[in-house]
């Protein structure tokens, strides 16, 4: 709203701005013109940065909105939590906290999103992030996926969830089919048969 307000009032602000620039030490029209050009470039760059920030915030916080969550779990006997974590982290491209600080353009926003990467080696791993699912059925797609891996008895319990109709999943089709393909690929990768 304030950007639109300024845009419509800009012609009315030019005269006071010119007077201000003249009073601040601009001795010629060329200096005023250069100063106005610098201000315009800075303003344009700031607006572009704000628009990119808003777009990125939208990507990072999309799953904060309510949605119909699709969830499933799977017990994998004989597969320890550490092995399943390494395989699934690599396959989907989940980022640790330090990796996320380097790859996200606005890492300071991560605490306000559903991004999560918690590790307790040998016991539990919890990840939630926008990843690239290189689906054998659907091809590569950017989707928000939450994945938990826990040690259970002599194996691992995997739990995953995603939002139907949001965060990239809406482009893939019927949720039951998507979930079936996702479950097959998660199991295959966790067992060591994935890409």
C-alpha atoms as a PDB file:
ATOM      1  CA  UNK A   1       0.000   0.000   0.000  1.00  0.00           C
ATOM      2  CA  UNK A   2       2.738   2.490   0.918  1.00  0.00           C
ATOM      3  CA  UNK A   3       4.575   1.804  -2.367  1.00  0.00           C
ATOM      4  CA  UNK A   4       1.453   2.672  -4.354  1.00  0.00           C
ATOM      5  CA  UNK A   5       0.893   5.771  -2.242  1.00  0.00           C
ATOM      6  CA  UNK A   6       4.414   7.015  -2.954  1.00  0.00           C
ATOM      7  CA  UNK A   7       4.123   6.208  -6.654  1.00  0.00           C
ATOM      8  CA  UNK A   8       0.982   8.350  -7.016  1.00  0.00           C
ATOM      9  CA  UNK A   9       2.370  11.200  -4.945  1.00  0.00           C
ATOM     10  CA  UNK A  10       5.820  11.155  -6.556  1.00  0.00           C
ATOM     11  CA  UNK A  11       5.088  14.088  -8.892  1.00  0.00           C
ATOM     12  CA  UNK A  12       4.029  16.135  -5.867  1.00  0.00           C
ATOM     13  CA  UNK A  13       7.214  15.194  -4.052  1.00  0.00           C
ATOM     14  CA  UNK A  14       9.628  16.167  -6.836  1.00  0.00           C
ATOM     15  CA  UNK A  15       9.631  19.910  -6.130  1.00  0.00           C
ATOM     16  CA  UNK A  16      10.242  19.502  -2.373  1.00  0.00           C
ATOM     17  CA  UNK A  17      12.894  16.889  -3.177  1.00  0.00           C
ATOM     18  CA  UNK A  18      14.642  19.233  -5.590  1.00  0.00           C
ATOM     19  CA  UNK A  19      14.576  22.007  -2.969  1.00  0.00           C
ATOM     20  CA  UNK A  20      15.956  19.604  -0.358  1.00  0.00           C
ATOM     21  CA  UNK A  21      18.759  18.474  -2.678  1.00  0.00           C
ATOM     22  CA  UNK A  22      19.620  22.083  -3.483  1.00  0.00           C
ATOM     23  CA  UNK A  23      19.802  22.911   0.222  1.00  0.00           C
ATOM     24  CA  UNK A  24      21.981  19.873   0.946  1.00  0.00           C
ATOM     25  CA  UNK A  25      24.816  20.970  -1.297  1.00  0.00           C
ATOM     26  CA  UNK A  26      23.918  20.144  -4.890  1.00  0.00           C
ATOM     27  CA  UNK A  27      25.305  23.072  -6.852  1.00  0.00           C
ATOM     28  CA  UNK A  28      24.056  22.257 -10.309  1.00  0.00           C
ATOM     29  CA  UNK A  29      21.199  20.603 -12.111  1.00  0.00           C
ATOM     30  CA  UNK A  30      23.551  17.808 -13.141  1.00  0.00           C
ATOM     31  CA  UNK A  31      24.296  17.002  -9.491  1.00  0.00           C
ATOM     32  CA  UNK A  32      20.601  17.030  -8.679  1.00  0.00           C
ATOM     33  CA  UNK A  33      19.943  14.825 -11.701  1.00  0.00           C
ATOM     34  CA  UNK A  34      22.732  12.416 -10.655  1.00  0.00           C
ATOM     35  CA  UNK A  35      21.454  12.320  -7.082  1.00  0.00           C
ATOM     36  CA  UNK A  36      17.901  11.680  -8.298  1.00  0.00           C
ATOM     37  CA  UNK A  37      19.200   8.908 -10.591  1.00  0.00           C
ATOM     38  CA  UNK A  38      21.092   7.288  -7.711  1.00  0.00           C
ATOM     39  CA  UNK A  39      17.991   7.474  -5.542  1.00  0.00           C
ATOM     40  CA  UNK A  40      15.882   5.924  -8.318  1.00  0.00           C
ATOM     41  CA  UNK A  41      18.381   3.063  -8.791  1.00  0.00           C
ATOM     42  CA  UNK A  42      18.539   2.430  -5.057  1.00  0.00           C
ATOM     43  CA  UNK A  43      14.741   2.529  -4.823  1.00  0.00           C
ATOM     44  CA  UNK A  44      14.392   0.129  -7.770  1.00  0.00           C
ATOM     45  CA  UNK A  45      16.945  -2.278  -6.272  1.00  0.00           C
ATOM     46  CA  UNK A  46      15.204  -2.085  -2.892  1.00  0.00           C
ATOM     47  CA  UNK A  47      11.817  -2.807  -4.468  1.00  0.00           C
ATOM     48  CA  UNK A  48      13.264  -5.762  -6.394  1.00  0.00           C
ATOM     49  CA  UNK A  49      14.811  -7.105  -3.189  1.00  0.00           C
ATOM     50  CA  UNK A  50      11.509  -6.671  -1.318  1.00  0.00           C
ATOM     51  CA  UNK A  51       9.582  -8.456  -4.080  1.00  0.00           C
ATOM     52  CA  UNK A  52      12.090 -11.328  -4.119  1.00  0.00           C
ATOM     53  CA  UNK A  53      11.953 -11.490  -0.324  1.00  0.00           C
ATOM     54  CA  UNK A  54       8.157 -11.660  -0.396  1.00  0.00           C
ATOM     55  CA  UNK A  55       8.265 -14.405  -3.034  1.00  0.00           C
ATOM     56  CA  UNK A  56      10.822 -16.383  -1.063  1.00  0.00           C
ATOM     57  CA  UNK A  57       8.842 -15.917   2.163  1.00  0.00           C
ATOM     58  CA  UNK A  58       5.817 -17.293   0.339  1.00  0.00           C
ATOM     59  CA  UNK A  59       7.777 -20.364  -0.723  1.00  0.00           C
ATOM     60  CA  UNK A  60       9.236 -20.930   2.714  1.00  0.00           C
ATOM     61  CA  UNK A  61       6.036 -20.403   4.679  1.00  0.00           C
ATOM     62  CA  UNK A  62       3.516 -22.036   2.390  1.00  0.00           C
ATOM     63  CA  UNK A  63       3.085 -25.027   4.676  1.00  0.00           C
ATOM     64  CA  UNK A  64       2.298 -22.811   7.667  1.00  0.00           C
ATOM     65  CA  UNK A  65      -1.209 -22.394   6.283  1.00  0.00           C
ATOM     66  CA  UNK A  66      -3.767 -25.035   7.111  1.00  0.00           C
ATOM     67  CA  UNK A  67      -4.034 -27.886   4.672  1.00  0.00           C
ATOM     68  CA  UNK A  68      -5.260 -31.440   4.399  1.00  0.00           C
ATOM     69  CA  UNK A  69      -2.199 -33.310   5.525  1.00  0.00           C
ATOM     70  CA  UNK A  70      -1.391 -36.679   3.998  1.00  0.00           C
ATOM     71  CA  UNK A  71       0.717 -38.829   6.311  1.00  0.00           C
ATOM     72  CA  UNK A  72       2.045 -42.357   6.352  1.00  0.00           C
ATOM     73  CA  UNK A  73       4.553 -44.441   8.254  1.00  0.00           C
ATOM     74  CA  UNK A  74       6.597 -47.501   7.450  1.00  0.00           C
ATOM     75  CA  UNK A  75       8.652 -49.899   9.572  1.00  0.00           C
ATOM     76  CA  UNK A  76      11.877 -51.134   7.982  1.00  0.00           C
ATOM     77  CA  UNK A  77      13.393 -54.062   9.878  1.00  0.00           C
ATOM     78  CA  UNK A  78      17.165 -54.358   9.601  1.00  0.00           C
ATOM     79  CA  UNK A  79      17.696 -50.766   8.394  1.00  0.00           C
ATOM     80  CA  UNK A  80      19.213 -48.568  11.099  1.00  0.00           C
ATOM     81  CA  UNK A  81      18.099 -44.952  11.468  1.00  0.00           C
ATOM     82  CA  UNK A  82      21.509 -43.526  10.516  1.00  0.00           C
ATOM     83  CA  UNK A  83      21.634 -45.403   7.215  1.00  0.00           C
ATOM     84  CA  UNK A  84      18.043 -44.484   6.316  1.00  0.00           C
ATOM     85  CA  UNK A  85      18.773 -40.836   7.198  1.00  0.00           C
ATOM     86  CA  UNK A  86      21.863 -40.604   4.976  1.00  0.00           C
ATOM     87  CA  UNK A  87      20.128 -42.247   2.030  1.00  0.00           C
ATOM     88  CA  UNK A  88      16.916 -40.198   2.244  1.00  0.00           C
ATOM     89  CA  UNK A  89      18.692 -36.908   2.998  1.00  0.00           C
ATOM     90  CA  UNK A  90      20.851 -37.355  -0.098  1.00  0.00           C
ATOM     91  CA  UNK A  91      17.983 -38.529  -2.341  1.00  0.00           C
ATOM     92  CA  UNK A  92      15.603 -35.673  -1.496  1.00  0.00           C
ATOM     93  CA  UNK A  93      18.279 -33.010  -0.936  1.00  0.00           C
ATOM     94  CA  UNK A  94      17.408 -32.093   2.647  1.00  0.00           C
ATOM     95  CA  UNK A  95      19.816 -29.516   4.120  1.00  0.00           C
ATOM     96  CA  UNK A  96      21.335 -29.502   7.590  1.00  0.00           C
ATOM     97  CA  UNK A  97      21.148 -26.201   9.504  1.00  0.00           C
ATOM     98  CA  UNK A  98      24.633 -25.161   8.353  1.00  0.00           C
ATOM     99  CA  UNK A  99      23.905 -26.155   4.736  1.00  0.00           C
ATOM    100  CA  UNK A 100      20.603 -24.263   4.783  1.00  0.00           C
ATOM    101  CA  UNK A 101      22.368 -21.126   6.036  1.00  0.00           C
ATOM    102  CA  UNK A 102      24.524 -21.265   2.893  1.00  0.00           C
ATOM    103  CA  UNK A 103      21.948 -22.215   0.234  1.00  0.00           C
ATOM    104  CA  UNK A 104      18.816 -20.247   1.178  1.00  0.00           C
ATOM    105  CA  UNK A 105      18.874 -16.646  -0.054  1.00  0.00           C
ATOM    106  CA  UNK A 106      17.255 -15.431   3.201  1.00  0.00           C
ATOM    107  CA  UNK A 107      18.486 -17.796   5.927  1.00  0.00           C
ATOM    108  CA  UNK A 108      17.354 -15.429   8.677  1.00  0.00           C
ATOM    109  CA  UNK A 109      13.765 -16.414   7.844  1.00  0.00           C
ATOM    110  CA  UNK A 110      14.264 -20.124   8.470  1.00  0.00           C
ATOM    111  CA  UNK A 111      13.129 -19.902  12.113  1.00  0.00           C
ATOM    112  CA  UNK A 112       9.776 -18.439  10.950  1.00  0.00           C
ATOM    113  CA  UNK A 113       9.114 -21.275   8.515  1.00  0.00           C
ATOM    114  CA  UNK A 114       8.384 -24.944   8.879  1.00  0.00           C
ATOM    115  CA  UNK A 115      12.001 -25.704   7.970  1.00  0.00           C
ATOM    116  CA  UNK A 116      13.390 -28.239  10.405  1.00  0.00           C
ATOM    117  CA  UNK A 117      16.460 -30.418  10.544  1.00  0.00           C
ATOM    118  CA  UNK A 118      17.024 -32.135  13.869  1.00  0.00           C
ATOM    119  CA  UNK A 119      19.459 -34.976  14.392  1.00  0.00           C
ATOM    120  CA  UNK A 120      20.056 -37.301  17.299  1.00  0.00           C
ATOM    121  CA  UNK A 121      22.393 -39.840  15.663  1.00  0.00           C
ATOM    122  CA  UNK A 122      21.377 -43.444  16.069  1.00  0.00           C
ATOM    123  CA  UNK A 123      18.017 -42.483  17.565  1.00  0.00           C
ATOM    124  CA  UNK A 124      15.981 -39.902  15.650  1.00  0.00           C
ATOM    125  CA  UNK A 125      16.088 -37.560  12.663  1.00  0.00           C
ATOM    126  CA  UNK A 126      13.430 -34.971  11.761  1.00  0.00           C
ATOM    127  CA  UNK A 127      13.449 -32.971   8.527  1.00  0.00           C
ATOM    128  CA  UNK A 128      10.955 -30.612   6.944  1.00  0.00           C
ATOM    129  CA  UNK A 129      11.855 -28.544   3.907  1.00  0.00           C
ATOM    130  CA  UNK A 130      11.188 -27.794   0.257  1.00  0.00           C
ATOM    131  CA  UNK A 131      13.021 -30.559  -1.605  1.00  0.00           C
ATOM    132  CA  UNK A 132      13.286 -31.885  -5.138  1.00  0.00           C
ATOM    133  CA  UNK A 133      11.511 -35.215  -5.491  1.00  0.00           C
ATOM    134  CA  UNK A 134      13.059 -36.961  -8.499  1.00  0.00           C
ATOM    135  CA  UNK A 135      10.060 -39.194  -8.961  1.00  0.00           C
ATOM    136  CA  UNK A 136      10.313 -42.101 -11.367  1.00  0.00           C
ATOM    137  CA  UNK A 137       6.635 -41.510 -12.177  1.00  0.00           C
ATOM    138  CA  UNK A 138       6.248 -37.720 -12.125  1.00  0.00           C
ATOM    139  CA  UNK A 139       9.771 -36.508 -12.899  1.00  0.00           C
ATOM    140  CA  UNK A 140      11.555 -33.912 -10.753  1.00  0.00           C
ATOM    141  CA  UNK A 141       9.270 -31.630  -8.716  1.00  0.00           C
ATOM    142  CA  UNK A 142       9.866 -29.095  -5.958  1.00  0.00           C
ATOM    143  CA  UNK A 143       7.686 -30.136  -3.025  1.00  0.00           C
ATOM    144  CA  UNK A 144       7.562 -29.503   0.725  1.00  0.00           C
ATOM    145  CA  UNK A 145       8.127 -32.766   2.576  1.00  0.00           C
ATOM    146  CA  UNK A 146       8.279 -33.602   6.273  1.00  0.00           C
ATOM    147  CA  UNK A 147      10.190 -36.771   7.086  1.00  0.00           C
ATOM    148  CA  UNK A 148      10.939 -38.332  10.488  1.00  0.00           C
ATOM    149  CA  UNK A 149      13.171 -41.337  11.020  1.00  0.00           C
ATOM    150  CA  UNK A 150      13.332 -43.109  14.391  1.00  0.00           C
ATOM    151  CA  UNK A 151      15.079 -46.172  15.690  1.00  0.00           C
ATOM    152  CA  UNK A 152      12.505 -48.838  16.512  1.00  0.00           C
ATOM    153  CA  UNK A 153      13.400 -52.315  17.776  1.00  0.00           C
ATOM    154  CA  UNK A 154      15.954 -53.669  15.281  1.00  0.00           C
ATOM    155  CA  UNK A 155      15.067 -51.320  12.475  1.00  0.00           C
ATOM    156  CA  UNK A 156      13.680 -47.881  11.688  1.00  0.00           C
ATOM    157  CA  UNK A 157      10.261 -46.250  11.659  1.00  0.00           C
ATOM    158  CA  UNK A 158       9.830 -43.712   8.867  1.00  0.00           C
ATOM    159  CA  UNK A 159       7.014 -41.163   8.995  1.00  0.00           C
ATOM    160  CA  UNK A 160       6.356 -38.626   6.297  1.00  0.00           C
ATOM    161  CA  UNK A 161       3.688 -36.072   5.544  1.00  0.00           C
ATOM    162  CA  UNK A 162       2.797 -33.470   2.960  1.00  0.00           C
ATOM    163  CA  UNK A 163      -0.019 -31.034   2.208  1.00  0.00           C
ATOM    164  CA  UNK A 164      -2.547 -32.060  -0.393  1.00  0.00           C
ATOM    165  CA  UNK A 165      -3.087 -29.327  -2.972  1.00  0.00           C
ATOM    166  CA  UNK A 166      -0.207 -27.086  -1.848  1.00  0.00           C
ATOM    167  CA  UNK A 167       3.563 -26.710  -1.807  1.00  0.00           C
ATOM    168  CA  UNK A 168       4.135 -28.269  -5.226  1.00  0.00           C
ATOM    169  CA  UNK A 169       2.009 -31.371  -4.596  1.00  0.00           C
ATOM    170  CA  UNK A 170      -1.012 -29.866  -6.363  1.00  0.00           C
ATOM    171  CA  UNK A 171       0.743 -30.332  -9.715  1.00  0.00           C
ATOM    172  CA  UNK A 172       1.101 -34.099  -9.365  1.00  0.00           C
ATOM    173  CA  UNK A 173      -2.444 -35.437  -9.495  1.00  0.00           C
ATOM    174  CA  UNK A 174      -4.594 -37.670  -7.288  1.00  0.00           C
ATOM    175  CA  UNK A 175      -3.259 -37.750  -3.696  1.00  0.00           C
ATOM    176  CA  UNK A 176      -3.731 -41.504  -3.279  1.00  0.00           C
ATOM    177  CA  UNK A 177      -1.607 -42.247  -6.338  1.00  0.00           C
ATOM    178  CA  UNK A 178       1.012 -39.685  -5.344  1.00  0.00           C
ATOM    179  CA  UNK A 179       1.210 -41.165  -1.833  1.00  0.00           C
ATOM    180  CA  UNK A 180       1.581 -44.687  -3.220  1.00  0.00           C
ATOM    181  CA  UNK A 181       4.462 -43.649  -5.497  1.00  0.00           C
ATOM    182  CA  UNK A 182       6.092 -41.609  -2.731  1.00  0.00           C
ATOM    183  CA  UNK A 183       5.850 -44.549  -0.296  1.00  0.00           C
ATOM    184  CA  UNK A 184       7.417 -46.907  -2.840  1.00  0.00           C
ATOM    185  CA  UNK A 185      10.302 -44.551  -3.524  1.00  0.00           C
ATOM    186  CA  UNK A 186      10.933 -43.760   0.159  1.00  0.00           C
ATOM    187  CA  UNK A 187      11.070 -47.467   0.965  1.00  0.00           C
ATOM    188  CA  UNK A 188      13.271 -48.234  -2.035  1.00  0.00           C
ATOM    189  CA  UNK A 189      15.744 -45.447  -1.213  1.00  0.00           C
ATOM    190  CA  UNK A 190      15.844 -46.274   2.500  1.00  0.00           C
ATOM    191  CA  UNK A 191      16.647 -49.903   1.678  1.00  0.00           C
ATOM    192  CA  UNK A 192      19.507 -48.790  -0.551  1.00  0.00           C
ATOM    193  CA  UNK A 193      17.898 -49.415  -3.914  1.00  0.00           C
ATOM    194  CA  UNK A 194      17.279 -45.787  -4.837  1.00  0.00           C
ATOM    195  CA  UNK A 195      19.110 -43.497  -7.183  1.00  0.00           C
END
